[in-house]
Amino acid sequence: MSGFGYRFTGGEVERVPVKAALACTADFVWVHLTSNEAEAQAWLRDAAKLDEYVVDALTATETRPRCEAFADGALLNLRGRSTEEVTSGDALASVRIWAIKGRVYSVTRRALIGIAEVEKEMEAGEIVDPGDFIAAVSTAITTDLDPHVADLGDELDDCEERLDANR
């Protein structure tokens, strides 16, 4: 299991180790894990003390994009392009997010292009709460995917024109 944490307090941002992030008293804390191991599940359950339902959602093997209110927080699954070469045919990777007041946990199995952009925004002090974080992740993913989606739309338009021409 690898990962990192950030804490934001009084306008100051500090990158901290994952374990230290749990002990942080801050206005906002972000903990990010990259893992496909049971170790992440155990850490989220035993060290972070997250509800079993949340742990299962953050570490599920298969995910679909979703947003769900649960207890005092929100679970989100978003998908964006991975930085890793894909052999499975699925170029998209998921980021699972648990957001509660003052704290966000995010988990990826494969590195996500958008996370690096979110880190930059966090380090610049532009993310100060879970709402900012969710907006930043969504924007980073959308900005990265937009040109690819536009190209697919153009290809579909071309196919449609060829089909209409043959009628």
Foldseek 3Di string as FASTA:
>chain_A
DAWWKWAAAPLAIDIGGQLVQLVDDGQAMEIEEAAQDCVQLCCCCPVVVDDNVLSCQQNPPDDDFDWDDDDQWIKGKDWAAFPDDDPPPDRIWIWIWTFHRRYIYIYTHGHHPQVVQLVVCRNVSNDRGPVSSVVSSVVSRCVRCVVVVVVVVVVVVVVVVVVVVVD
